[in-house]
PDB file of N, CA and C in Angstrom:
ATOM      1  N   MET A   1      13.567 -32.935   7.436  1.00  0.00           N
ATOM      2  CA  MET A   1      13.540 -31.495   7.285  1.00  0.00           C
ATOM      3  C   MET A   1      14.965 -30.953   7.362  1.00  0.00           C
ATOM      4  N   THR A   2      15.240 -29.992   6.534  1.00  0.00           N
ATOM      5  CA  THR A   2      16.541 -29.342   6.485  1.00  0.00           C
ATOM      6  C   THR A   2      16.410 -27.930   7.032  1.00  0.00           C
ATOM      7  N   ARG A   3      17.485 -27.443   7.656  1.00  0.00           N
ATOM      8  CA  ARG A   3      17.496 -26.055   8.126  1.00  0.00           C
ATOM      9  C   ARG A   3      18.019 -25.156   7.022  1.00  0.00           C
ATOM     10  N   PHE A   4      17.346 -24.021   6.835  1.00  0.00           N
ATOM     11  CA  PHE A   4      17.743 -23.039   5.830  1.00  0.00           C
ATOM     12  C   PHE A   4      17.881 -21.672   6.483  1.00  0.00           C
ATOM     13  N   ARG A   5      18.845 -20.922   6.006  1.00  0.00           N
ATOM     14  CA  ARG A   5      18.979 -19.512   6.388  1.00  0.00           C
ATOM     15  C   ARG A   5      18.427 -18.699   5.232  1.00  0.00           C
ATOM     16  N   VAL A   6      17.436 -17.874   5.532  1.00  0.00           N
ATOM     17  CA  VAL A   6      16.783 -17.070   4.501  1.00  0.00           C
ATOM     18  C   VAL A   6      16.997 -15.598   4.838  1.00  0.00           C
ATOM     19  N   ALA A   7      17.605 -14.864   3.919  1.00  0.00           N
ATOM     20  CA  ALA A   7      17.873 -13.441   4.107  1.00  0.00           C
ATOM     21  C   ALA A   7      16.799 -12.623   3.397  1.00  0.00           C
ATOM     22  N   VAL A   8      16.327 -11.585   4.081  1.00  0.00           N
ATOM     23  CA  VAL A   8      15.263 -10.728   3.549  1.00  0.00           C
ATOM     24  C   VAL A   8      15.688  -9.268   3.679  1.00  0.00           C
ATOM     25  N   HIS A   9      15.473  -8.492   2.630  1.00  0.00           N
ATOM     26  CA  HIS A   9      15.668  -7.044   2.674  1.00  0.00           C
ATOM     27  C   HIS A   9      14.291  -6.394   2.680  1.00  0.00           C
ATOM     28  N   ILE A  10      14.065  -5.501   3.632  1.00  0.00           N
ATOM     29  CA  ILE A  10      12.805  -4.772   3.731  1.00  0.00           C
ATOM     30  C   ILE A  10      13.120  -3.289   3.623  1.00  0.00           C
ATOM     31  N   VAL A  11      12.482  -2.606   2.673  1.00  0.00           N
ATOM     32  CA  VAL A  11      12.734  -1.172   2.468  1.00  0.00           C
ATOM     33  C   VAL A  11      11.408  -0.432   2.309  1.00  0.00           C
ATOM     34  N   PRO A  12      11.426   0.869   2.598  1.00  0.00           N
ATOM     35  CA  PRO A  12      10.213   1.663   2.370  1.00  0.00           C
ATOM     36  C   PRO A  12       9.844   1.652   0.889  1.00  0.00           C
ATOM     37  N   ARG A  13       8.562   1.690   0.606  1.00  0.00           N
ATOM     38  CA  ARG A  13       8.109   1.717  -0.791  1.00  0.00           C
ATOM     39  C   ARG A  13       8.572   2.994  -1.478  1.00  0.00           C
ATOM     40  N   ARG A  14       8.889   2.868  -2.748  1.00  0.00           N
ATOM     41  CA  ARG A  14       9.279   4.048  -3.539  1.00  0.00           C
ATOM     42  C   ARG A  14       8.127   5.042  -3.549  1.00  0.00           C
ATOM     43  N   GLY A  15       8.475   6.302  -3.447  1.00  0.00           N
ATOM     44  CA  GLY A  15       7.464   7.344  -3.486  1.00  0.00           C
ATOM     45  C   GLY A  15       6.943   7.730  -2.117  1.00  0.00           C
ATOM     46  N   LEU A  16       7.218   6.895  -1.103  1.00  0.00           N
ATOM     47  CA  LEU A  16       6.795   7.230   0.253  1.00  0.00           C
ATOM     48  C   LEU A  16       7.917   7.983   0.953  1.00  0.00           C
ATOM     49  N   LEU A  17       7.551   8.837   1.860  1.00  0.00           N
ATOM     50  CA  LEU A  17       8.524   9.607   2.620  1.00  0.00           C
ATOM     51  C   LEU A  17       9.414   8.670   3.430  1.00  0.00           C
ATOM     52  N   ASP A  18      10.725   8.853   3.296  1.00  0.00           N
ATOM     53  CA  ASP A  18      11.707   8.075   4.048  1.00  0.00           C
ATOM     54  C   ASP A  18      12.672   9.071   4.690  1.00  0.00           C
ATOM     55  N   PRO A  19      12.291   9.663   5.838  1.00  0.00           N
ATOM     56  CA  PRO A  19      13.115  10.696   6.452  1.00  0.00           C
ATOM     57  C   PRO A  19      14.530  10.232   6.782  1.00  0.00           C
ATOM     58  N   GLN A  20      14.673   8.993   7.235  1.00  0.00           N
ATOM     59  CA  GLN A  20      15.997   8.489   7.562  1.00  0.00           C
ATOM     60  C   GLN A  20      16.850   8.353   6.298  1.00  0.00           C
ATOM     61  N   GLY A  21      16.257   7.858   5.227  1.00  0.00           N
ATOM     62  CA  GLY A  21      16.975   7.753   3.956  1.00  0.00           C
ATOM     63  C   GLY A  21      17.386   9.108   3.424  1.00  0.00           C
ATOM     64  N   LYS A  22      16.490  10.106   3.545  1.00  0.00           N
ATOM     65  CA  LYS A  22      16.812  11.459   3.092  1.00  0.00           C
ATOM     66  C   LYS A  22      17.962  12.041   3.896  1.00  0.00           C
ATOM     67  N   ALA A  23      17.959  11.830   5.207  1.00  0.00           N
ATOM     68  CA  ALA A  23      19.038  12.342   6.056  1.00  0.00           C
ATOM     69  C   ALA A  23      20.378  11.704   5.681  1.00  0.00           C
ATOM     70  N   VAL A  24      20.368  10.407   5.408  1.00  0.00           N
ATOM     71  CA  VAL A  24      21.600   9.726   5.011  1.00  0.00           C
ATOM     72  C   VAL A  24      22.083  10.238   3.653  1.00  0.00           C
ATOM     73  N   ALA A  25      21.162  10.396   2.700  1.00  0.00           N
ATOM     74  CA  ALA A  25      21.533  10.903   1.376  1.00  0.00           C
ATOM     75  C   ALA A  25      22.131  12.303   1.486  1.00  0.00           C
ATOM     76  N   ASP A  26      21.500  13.173   2.280  1.00  0.00           N
ATOM     77  CA  ASP A  26      22.021  14.538   2.459  1.00  0.00           C
ATOM     78  C   ASP A  26      23.406  14.510   3.101  1.00  0.00           C
ATOM     79  N   ALA A  27      23.602  13.660   4.103  1.00  0.00           N
ATOM     80  CA  ALA A  27      24.903  13.553   4.766  1.00  0.00           C
ATOM     81  C   ALA A  27      25.973  13.053   3.799  1.00  0.00           C
ATOM     82  N   LEU A  28      25.631  12.079   2.972  1.00  0.00           N
ATOM     83  CA  LEU A  28      26.601  11.573   1.998  1.00  0.00           C
ATOM     84  C   LEU A  28      26.996  12.661   1.004  1.00  0.00           C
ATOM     85  N   ARG A  29      26.017  13.428   0.543  1.00  0.00           N
ATOM     86  CA  ARG A  29      26.326  14.532  -0.384  1.00  0.00           C
ATOM     87  C   ARG A  29      27.230  15.559   0.292  1.00  0.00           C
ATOM     88  N   SER A  30      26.952  15.852   1.564  1.00  0.00           N
ATOM     89  CA  SER A  30      27.780  16.846   2.273  1.00  0.00           C
ATOM     90  C   SER A  30      29.204  16.339   2.487  1.00  0.00           C
ATOM     91  N   LEU A  31      29.394  15.027   2.444  1.00  0.00           N
ATOM     92  CA  LEU A  31      30.728  14.443   2.560  1.00  0.00           C
ATOM     93  C   LEU A  31      31.432  14.322   1.211  1.00  0.00           C
ATOM     94  N   GLY A  32      30.799  14.818   0.162  1.00  0.00           N
ATOM     95  CA  GLY A  32      31.427  14.830  -1.148  1.00  0.00           C
ATOM     96  C   GLY A  32      31.008  13.722  -2.089  1.00  0.00           C
ATOM     97  N   PHE A  33      30.041  12.915  -1.708  1.00  0.00           N
ATOM     98  CA  PHE A  33      29.550  11.850  -2.578  1.00  0.00           C
ATOM     99  C   PHE A  33      28.420  12.412  -3.446  1.00  0.00           C
ATOM    100  N   ASP A  34      28.814  13.196  -4.461  1.00  0.00           N
ATOM    101  CA  ASP A  34      27.841  13.928  -5.274  1.00  0.00           C
ATOM    102  C   ASP A  34      26.976  13.041  -6.157  1.00  0.00           C
ATOM    103  N   GLY A  35      27.387  11.821  -6.390  1.00  0.00           N
ATOM    104  CA  GLY A  35      26.629  10.934  -7.261  1.00  0.00           C
ATOM    105  C   GLY A  35      25.446  10.264  -6.581  1.00  0.00           C
ATOM    106  N   VAL A  36      25.221  10.537  -5.304  1.00  0.00           N
ATOM    107  CA  VAL A  36      24.116   9.908  -4.590  1.00  0.00           C
ATOM    108  C   VAL A  36      22.812  10.603  -4.951  1.00  0.00           C
ATOM    109  N   ASP A  37      21.912   9.885  -5.582  1.00  0.00           N
ATOM    110  CA  ASP A  37      20.610  10.446  -5.941  1.00  0.00           C
ATOM    111  C   ASP A  37      19.581  10.202  -4.851  1.00  0.00           C
ATOM    112  N   ASP A  38      19.591   9.022  -4.269  1.00  0.00           N
ATOM    113  CA  ASP A  38      18.569   8.665  -3.298  1.00  0.00           C
ATOM    114  C   ASP A  38      19.087   7.533  -2.424  1.00  0.00           C
ATOM    115  N   VAL A  39      18.611   7.482  -1.187  1.00  0.00           N
ATOM    116  CA  VAL A  39      18.968   6.410  -0.263  1.00  0.00           C
ATOM    117  C   VAL A  39      17.693   5.929   0.402  1.00  0.00           C
ATOM    118  N   HIS A  40      17.562   4.626   0.542  1.00  0.00           N
ATOM    119  CA  HIS A  40      16.435   4.045   1.270  1.00  0.00           C
ATOM    120  C   HIS A  40      17.013   3.231   2.425  1.00  0.00           C
ATOM    121  N   VAL A  41      16.583   3.527   3.629  1.00  0.00           N
ATOM    122  CA  VAL A  41      17.059   2.812   4.803  1.00  0.00           C
ATOM    123  C   VAL A  41      15.989   1.810   5.206  1.00  0.00           C
ATOM    124  N   GLY A  42      16.380   0.576   5.337  1.00  0.00           N
ATOM    125  CA  GLY A  42      15.427  -0.472   5.687  1.00  0.00           C
ATOM    126  C   GLY A  42      16.015  -1.413   6.711  1.00  0.00           C
ATOM    127  N   ARG A  43      15.595  -2.658   6.631  1.00  0.00           N
ATOM    128  CA  ARG A  43      16.044  -3.678   7.566  1.00  0.00           C
ATOM    129  C   ARG A  43      16.529  -4.905   6.794  1.00  0.00           C
ATOM    130  N   HIS A  44      17.458  -5.598   7.390  1.00  0.00           N
ATOM    131  CA  HIS A  44      17.956  -6.862   6.847  1.00  0.00           C
ATOM    132  C   HIS A  44      17.677  -7.915   7.913  1.00  0.00           C
ATOM    133  N   ILE A  45      16.906  -8.914   7.570  1.00  0.00           N
ATOM    134  CA  ILE A  45      16.524  -9.962   8.515  1.00  0.00           C
ATOM    135  C   ILE A  45      17.009 -11.303   7.982  1.00  0.00           C
ATOM    136  N   VAL A  46      17.590 -12.100   8.852  1.00  0.00           N
ATOM    137  CA  VAL A  46      17.994 -13.458   8.498  1.00  0.00           C
ATOM    138  C   VAL A  46      17.215 -14.404   9.411  1.00  0.00           C
ATOM    139  N   ALA A  47      16.421 -15.279   8.811  1.00  0.00           N
ATOM    140  CA  ALA A  47      15.630 -16.248   9.563  1.00  0.00           C
ATOM    141  C   ALA A  47      16.159 -17.647   9.283  1.00  0.00           C
ATOM    142  N   GLU A  48      16.300 -18.430  10.324  1.00  0.00           N
ATOM    143  CA  GLU A  48      16.658 -19.837  10.161  1.00  0.00           C
ATOM    144  C   GLU A  48      15.383 -20.648  10.348  1.00  0.00           C
ATOM    145  N   VAL A  49      15.018 -21.387   9.317  1.00  0.00           N
ATOM    146  CA  VAL A  49      13.766 -22.147   9.333  1.00  0.00           C
ATOM    147  C   VAL A  49      14.033 -23.586   8.911  1.00  0.00           C
ATOM    148  N   ARG A  50      13.141 -24.477   9.314  1.00  0.00           N
ATOM    149  CA  ARG A  50      13.181 -25.871   8.876  1.00  0.00           C
ATOM    150  C   ARG A  50      12.146 -26.041   7.774  1.00  0.00           C
ATOM    151  N   ALA A  51      12.549 -26.681   6.694  1.00  0.00           N
ATOM    152  CA  ALA A  51      11.634 -26.901   5.572  1.00  0.00           C
ATOM    153  C   ALA A  51      12.120 -28.101   4.767  1.00  0.00           C
ATOM    154  N   ALA A  52      11.222 -28.611   3.936  1.00  0.00           N
ATOM    155  CA  ALA A  52      11.549 -29.779   3.106  1.00  0.00           C
ATOM    156  C   ALA A  52      12.611 -29.455   2.062  1.00  0.00           C
ATOM    157  N   ASP A  53      12.557 -28.230   1.509  1.00  0.00           N
ATOM    158  CA  ASP A  53      13.520 -27.816   0.489  1.00  0.00           C
ATOM    159  C   ASP A  53      13.608 -26.288   0.471  1.00  0.00           C
ATOM    160  N   ALA A  54      14.501 -25.764  -0.359  1.00  0.00           N
ATOM    161  CA  ALA A  54      14.722 -24.313  -0.411  1.00  0.00           C
ATOM    162  C   ALA A  54      13.467 -23.560  -0.845  1.00  0.00           C
ATOM    163  N   LYS A  55      12.718 -24.125  -1.779  1.00  0.00           N
ATOM    164  CA  LYS A  55      11.500 -23.468  -2.258  1.00  0.00           C
ATOM    165  C   LYS A  55      10.483 -23.337  -1.123  1.00  0.00           C
ATOM    166  N   ALA A  56      10.338 -24.366  -0.318  1.00  0.00           N
ATOM    167  CA  ALA A  56       9.407 -24.332   0.810  1.00  0.00           C
ATOM    168  C   ALA A  56       9.884 -23.345   1.879  1.00  0.00           C
ATOM    169  N   ALA A  57      11.192 -23.273   2.093  1.00  0.00           N
ATOM    170  CA  ALA A  57      11.741 -22.315   3.062  1.00  0.00           C
ATOM    171  C   ALA A  57      11.459 -20.889   2.614  1.00  0.00           C
ATOM    172  N   GLU A  58      11.660 -20.622   1.331  1.00  0.00           N
ATOM    173  CA  GLU A  58      11.379 -19.285   0.802  1.00  0.00           C
ATOM    174  C   GLU A  58       9.897 -18.947   0.940  1.00  0.00           C
ATOM    175  N   ALA A  59       9.030 -19.883   0.624  1.00  0.00           N
ATOM    176  CA  ALA A  59       7.586 -19.646   0.734  1.00  0.00           C
ATOM    177  C   ALA A  59       7.193 -19.356   2.177  1.00  0.00           C
ATOM    178  N   GLN A  60       7.800 -20.078   3.106  1.00  0.00           N
ATOM    179  CA  GLN A  60       7.511 -19.875   4.519  1.00  0.00           C
ATOM    180  C   GLN A  60       7.909 -18.458   4.958  1.00  0.00           C
ATOM    181  N   VAL A  61       9.087 -18.008   4.534  1.00  0.00           N
ATOM    182  CA  VAL A  61       9.548 -16.674   4.926  1.00  0.00           C
ATOM    183  C   VAL A  61       8.743 -15.593   4.205  1.00  0.00           C
ATOM    184  N   ARG A  62       8.339 -15.823   2.970  1.00  0.00           N
ATOM    185  CA  ARG A  62       7.453 -14.858   2.287  1.00  0.00           C
ATOM    186  C   ARG A  62       6.158 -14.667   3.075  1.00  0.00           C
ATOM    187  N   ALA A  63       5.609 -15.767   3.586  1.00  0.00           N
ATOM    188  CA  ALA A  63       4.391 -15.679   4.388  1.00  0.00           C
ATOM    189  C   ALA A  63       4.655 -14.899   5.675  1.00  0.00           C
ATOM    190  N   MET A  64       5.816 -15.099   6.285  1.00  0.00           N
ATOM    191  CA  MET A  64       6.176 -14.348   7.490  1.00  0.00           C
ATOM    192  C   MET A  64       6.242 -12.848   7.197  1.00  0.00           C
ATOM    193  N   CYS A  65       6.824 -12.513   6.055  1.00  0.00           N
ATOM    194  CA  CYS A  65       6.921 -11.097   5.674  1.00  0.00           C
ATOM    195  C   CYS A  65       5.546 -10.500   5.445  1.00  0.00           C
ATOM    196  N   ALA A  66       4.697 -11.228   4.767  1.00  0.00           N
ATOM    197  CA  ALA A  66       3.359 -10.733   4.460  1.00  0.00           C
ATOM    198  C   ALA A  66       2.514 -10.550   5.720  1.00  0.00           C
ATOM    199  N   LYS A  67       2.738 -11.405   6.723  1.00  0.00           N
ATOM    200  CA  LYS A  67       1.904 -11.356   7.925  1.00  0.00           C
ATOM    201  C   LYS A  67       2.485 -10.515   9.054  1.00  0.00           C
ATOM    202  N   LEU A  68       3.825 -10.365   9.116  1.00  0.00           N
ATOM    203  CA  LEU A  68       4.404  -9.698  10.280  1.00  0.00           C
ATOM    204  C   LEU A  68       5.627  -8.840   9.984  1.00  0.00           C
ATOM    205  N   LEU A  69       6.589  -9.378   9.265  1.00  0.00           N
ATOM    206  CA  LEU A  69       7.892  -8.719   9.167  1.00  0.00           C
ATOM    207  C   LEU A  69       7.893  -7.432   8.364  1.00  0.00           C
ATOM    208  N   ALA A  70       7.051  -7.330   7.346  1.00  0.00           N
ATOM    209  CA  ALA A  70       6.989  -6.126   6.511  1.00  0.00           C
ATOM    210  C   ALA A  70       5.575  -5.564   6.546  1.00  0.00           C
ATOM    211  N   ASN A  71       5.483  -4.257   6.590  1.00  0.00           N
ATOM    212  CA  ASN A  71       4.181  -3.591   6.537  1.00  0.00           C
ATOM    213  C   ASN A  71       3.768  -3.499   5.069  1.00  0.00           C
ATOM    214  N   PRO A  72       2.729  -4.195   4.642  1.00  0.00           N
ATOM    215  CA  PRO A  72       2.369  -4.237   3.221  1.00  0.00           C
ATOM    216  C   PRO A  72       1.916  -2.888   2.665  1.00  0.00           C
ATOM    217  N   VAL A  73       1.571  -1.957   3.527  1.00  0.00           N
ATOM    218  CA  VAL A  73       1.129  -0.639   3.073  1.00  0.00           C
ATOM    219  C   VAL A  73       2.314   0.269   2.766  1.00  0.00           C
ATOM    220  N   THR A  74       3.386   0.164   3.556  1.00  0.00           N
ATOM    221  CA  THR A  74       4.491   1.118   3.432  1.00  0.00           C
ATOM    222  C   THR A  74       5.831   0.510   3.042  1.00  0.00           C
ATOM    223  N   GLU A  75       5.924  -0.816   3.006  1.00  0.00           N
ATOM    224  CA  GLU A  75       7.225  -1.437   2.757  1.00  0.00           C
ATOM    225  C   GLU A  75       7.148  -2.517   1.684  1.00  0.00           C
ATOM    226  N   ASP A  76       8.269  -2.686   1.002  1.00  0.00           N
ATOM    227  CA  ASP A  76       8.458  -3.782   0.060  1.00  0.00           C
ATOM    228  C   ASP A  76       9.538  -4.693   0.634  1.00  0.00           C
ATOM    229  N   PHE A  77       9.498  -5.965   0.260  1.00  0.00           N
ATOM    230  CA  PHE A  77      10.551  -6.882   0.699  1.00  0.00           C
ATOM    231  C   PHE A  77      10.991  -7.741  -0.466  1.00  0.00           C
ATOM    232  N   GLU A  78      12.224  -8.216  -0.336  1.00  0.00           N
ATOM    233  CA  GLU A  78      12.723  -9.176  -1.323  1.00  0.00           C
ATOM    234  C   GLU A  78      13.557 -10.211  -0.598  1.00  0.00           C
ATOM    235  N   ILE A  79      13.436 -11.434  -1.042  1.00  0.00           N
ATOM    236  CA  ILE A  79      14.223 -12.525  -0.500  1.00  0.00           C
ATOM    237  C   ILE A  79      15.601 -12.416  -1.155  1.00  0.00           C
ATOM    238  N   ALA A  80      16.624 -12.232  -0.320  1.00  0.00           N
ATOM    239  CA  ALA A  80      17.980 -12.006  -0.843  1.00  0.00           C
ATOM    240  C   ALA A  80      18.754 -13.306  -1.012  1.00  0.00           C
ATOM    241  N   GLY A  81      18.350 -14.355  -0.307  1.00  0.00           N
ATOM    242  CA  GLY A  81      19.073 -15.606  -0.440  1.00  0.00           C
ATOM    243  C   GLY A  81      18.495 -16.688   0.432  1.00  0.00           C
ATOM    244  N   VAL A  82      18.556 -17.916  -0.063  1.00  0.00           N
ATOM    245  CA  VAL A  82      18.119 -19.090   0.703  1.00  0.00           C
ATOM    246  C   VAL A  82      19.269 -20.085   0.638  1.00  0.00           C
ATOM    247  N   ASN A  83      19.823 -20.395   1.810  1.00  0.00           N
ATOM    248  CA  ASN A  83      20.968 -21.308   1.866  1.00  0.00           C
ATOM    249  C   ASN A  83      20.753 -22.339   2.952  1.00  0.00           C
ATOM    250  N   ALA A  84      21.251 -23.550   2.709  1.00  0.00           N
ATOM    251  CA  ALA A  84      21.190 -24.585   3.748  1.00  0.00           C
ATOM    252  C   ALA A  84      22.051 -24.124   4.912  1.00  0.00           C
ATOM    253  N   ALA A  85      21.526 -24.278   6.126  1.00  0.00           N
ATOM    254  CA  ALA A  85      22.253 -23.819   7.320  1.00  0.00           C
ATOM    255  C   ALA A  85      23.197 -24.877   7.824  1.00  0.00           C
TER     256      ALA A  85
END
């Protein structure tokens, strides 16, 4: 078994209220960043897992997201990277 570091981005689903993202977007606009249309504030999680290969490590972390790390009703997630640790 090899150790892998798997990075995951979890963000609120589009169309759902994201008060923290709205506050950040408004603050950026007030600082002169007029090109900001929208901001979504989420979480970045890095998990170190043991697996036979990168594909198995990714599948394992996807299952973790589906069962615990991300709320399937209000959040979306994407695997940002799988690297040997």
